[in-house]
């Protein structure tokens, strides 16, 4: 059973990940082993305040990568002469 502080950190991590990556992306990010963190982000966030901060920073990096992969509004698709 999680302590009150652990539940609060878990909630913060889930909210931040869901806001950044959406539901499916958040679940994938939080539950997969993260090489840079050397842990599952959710486990790290629950374990300590420092772990939550590290998870949130890794999430910001992941979000920037996710946003960079999105098409830019107004871009033409290949073969579209407009």
C-alpha atoms as a PDB file:
ATOM      1  CA  UNK A   1       0.000   0.000   0.000  1.00  0.00           C
ATOM      2  CA  UNK A   2       1.286   3.455  -0.883  1.00  0.00           C
ATOM      3  CA  UNK A   3       1.737   6.202   1.682  1.00  0.00           C
ATOM      4  CA  UNK A   4      -0.029   9.536   1.288  1.00  0.00           C
ATOM      5  CA  UNK A   5       3.159  11.131  -0.120  1.00  0.00           C
ATOM      6  CA  UNK A   6       3.691   8.251  -2.539  1.00  0.00           C
ATOM      7  CA  UNK A   7       0.093   8.514  -3.771  1.00  0.00           C
ATOM      8  CA  UNK A   8       0.507  12.269  -4.257  1.00  0.00           C
ATOM      9  CA  UNK A   9       3.695  11.777  -6.304  1.00  0.00           C
ATOM     10  CA  UNK A  10       2.045   9.018  -8.333  1.00  0.00           C
ATOM     11  CA  UNK A  11      -0.885  11.309  -9.081  1.00  0.00           C
ATOM     12  CA  UNK A  12       1.411  14.182 -10.105  1.00  0.00           C
ATOM     13  CA  UNK A  13       3.413  11.925 -12.428  1.00  0.00           C
ATOM     14  CA  UNK A  14       0.282  10.516 -14.068  1.00  0.00           C
ATOM     15  CA  UNK A  15      -1.243  13.994 -14.526  1.00  0.00           C
ATOM     16  CA  UNK A  16       1.939  15.428 -16.016  1.00  0.00           C
ATOM     17  CA  UNK A  17       2.412  12.499 -18.388  1.00  0.00           C
ATOM     18  CA  UNK A  18      -1.226  12.497 -19.487  1.00  0.00           C
ATOM     19  CA  UNK A  19      -1.160  16.239 -20.160  1.00  0.00           C
ATOM     20  CA  UNK A  20       2.051  15.919 -22.156  1.00  0.00           C
ATOM     21  CA  UNK A  21       1.515  12.686 -24.067  1.00  0.00           C
ATOM     22  CA  UNK A  22      -2.156  11.719 -23.811  1.00  0.00           C
ATOM     23  CA  UNK A  23      -3.472   8.590 -22.133  1.00  0.00           C
ATOM     24  CA  UNK A  24      -1.776   5.895 -24.189  1.00  0.00           C
ATOM     25  CA  UNK A  25       1.497   7.789 -24.406  1.00  0.00           C
ATOM     26  CA  UNK A  26       1.468   8.419 -20.665  1.00  0.00           C
ATOM     27  CA  UNK A  27       0.910   4.755 -19.871  1.00  0.00           C
ATOM     28  CA  UNK A  28       3.704   3.712 -22.213  1.00  0.00           C
ATOM     29  CA  UNK A  29       6.126   6.330 -20.875  1.00  0.00           C
ATOM     30  CA  UNK A  30       5.456   5.731 -17.184  1.00  0.00           C
ATOM     31  CA  UNK A  31       5.478   1.931 -17.294  1.00  0.00           C
ATOM     32  CA  UNK A  32       8.389   1.197 -19.639  1.00  0.00           C
ATOM     33  CA  UNK A  33      11.971   0.980 -18.431  1.00  0.00           C
ATOM     34  CA  UNK A  34      13.707   4.314 -19.163  1.00  0.00           C
ATOM     35  CA  UNK A  35      17.406   3.918 -19.960  1.00  0.00           C
ATOM     36  CA  UNK A  36      18.314   7.453 -18.876  1.00  0.00           C
ATOM     37  CA  UNK A  37      16.533   7.094 -15.539  1.00  0.00           C
ATOM     38  CA  UNK A  38      17.633   3.472 -15.107  1.00  0.00           C
ATOM     39  CA  UNK A  39      14.145   2.662 -13.830  1.00  0.00           C
ATOM     40  CA  UNK A  40      10.492   2.775 -14.754  1.00  0.00           C
ATOM     41  CA  UNK A  41       9.527   6.456 -14.478  1.00  0.00           C
ATOM     42  CA  UNK A  42       6.441   5.700 -12.382  1.00  0.00           C
ATOM     43  CA  UNK A  43       8.454   3.667  -9.859  1.00  0.00           C
ATOM     44  CA  UNK A  44      11.011   6.445  -9.598  1.00  0.00           C
ATOM     45  CA  UNK A  45       8.361   9.141  -9.169  1.00  0.00           C
ATOM     46  CA  UNK A  46       6.609   7.200  -6.429  1.00  0.00           C
ATOM     47  CA  UNK A  47       9.844   6.484  -4.550  1.00  0.00           C
ATOM     48  CA  UNK A  48      10.918  10.062  -3.782  1.00  0.00           C
ATOM     49  CA  UNK A  49      10.463  13.753  -4.517  1.00  0.00           C
ATOM     50  CA  UNK A  50      13.787  13.724  -6.381  1.00  0.00           C
ATOM     51  CA  UNK A  51      12.525  10.792  -8.437  1.00  0.00           C
ATOM     52  CA  UNK A  52       9.396  12.744  -9.355  1.00  0.00           C
ATOM     53  CA  UNK A  53      11.538  15.691 -10.473  1.00  0.00           C
ATOM     54  CA  UNK A  54      13.731  13.387 -12.590  1.00  0.00           C
ATOM     55  CA  UNK A  55      10.645  11.771 -14.109  1.00  0.00           C
ATOM     56  CA  UNK A  56       9.139  15.165 -14.944  1.00  0.00           C
ATOM     57  CA  UNK A  57      12.379  16.258 -16.635  1.00  0.00           C
ATOM     58  CA  UNK A  58      12.510  13.047 -18.692  1.00  0.00           C
ATOM     59  CA  UNK A  59       8.881  13.663 -19.593  1.00  0.00           C
ATOM     60  CA  UNK A  60       9.700  17.175 -20.850  1.00  0.00           C
ATOM     61  CA  UNK A  61      12.413  15.706 -23.074  1.00  0.00           C
ATOM     62  CA  UNK A  62      10.005  13.027 -24.338  1.00  0.00           C
ATOM     63  CA  UNK A  63       7.334  15.649 -25.008  1.00  0.00           C
ATOM     64  CA  UNK A  64       9.739  17.780 -27.064  1.00  0.00           C
ATOM     65  CA  UNK A  65      10.573  14.723 -29.161  1.00  0.00           C
ATOM     66  CA  UNK A  66       6.885  13.896 -29.561  1.00  0.00           C
ATOM     67  CA  UNK A  67       6.017  17.450 -30.605  1.00  0.00           C
ATOM     68  CA  UNK A  68       8.908  17.540 -33.083  1.00  0.00           C
ATOM     69  CA  UNK A  69       7.469  14.471 -34.818  1.00  0.00           C
ATOM     70  CA  UNK A  70       4.076  16.111 -35.448  1.00  0.00           C
ATOM     71  CA  UNK A  71       3.374  17.617 -38.883  1.00  0.00           C
ATOM     72  CA  UNK A  72       3.480  21.385 -39.030  1.00  0.00           C
ATOM     73  CA  UNK A  73       0.163  23.013 -39.912  1.00  0.00           C
ATOM     74  CA  UNK A  74       0.184  24.128 -43.529  1.00  0.00           C
ATOM     75  CA  UNK A  75       2.854  21.671 -44.668  1.00  0.00           C
ATOM     76  CA  UNK A  76       2.110  20.164 -48.048  1.00  0.00           C
ATOM     77  CA  UNK A  77       2.110  16.425 -48.392  1.00  0.00           C
ATOM     78  CA  UNK A  78       4.389  14.812 -50.969  1.00  0.00           C
ATOM     79  CA  UNK A  79       2.950  15.226 -54.425  1.00  0.00           C
ATOM     80  CA  UNK A  80       0.515  17.947 -53.371  1.00  0.00           C
ATOM     81  CA  UNK A  81       0.870  20.914 -55.708  1.00  0.00           C
ATOM     82  CA  UNK A  82      -1.617  22.854 -53.607  1.00  0.00           C
END
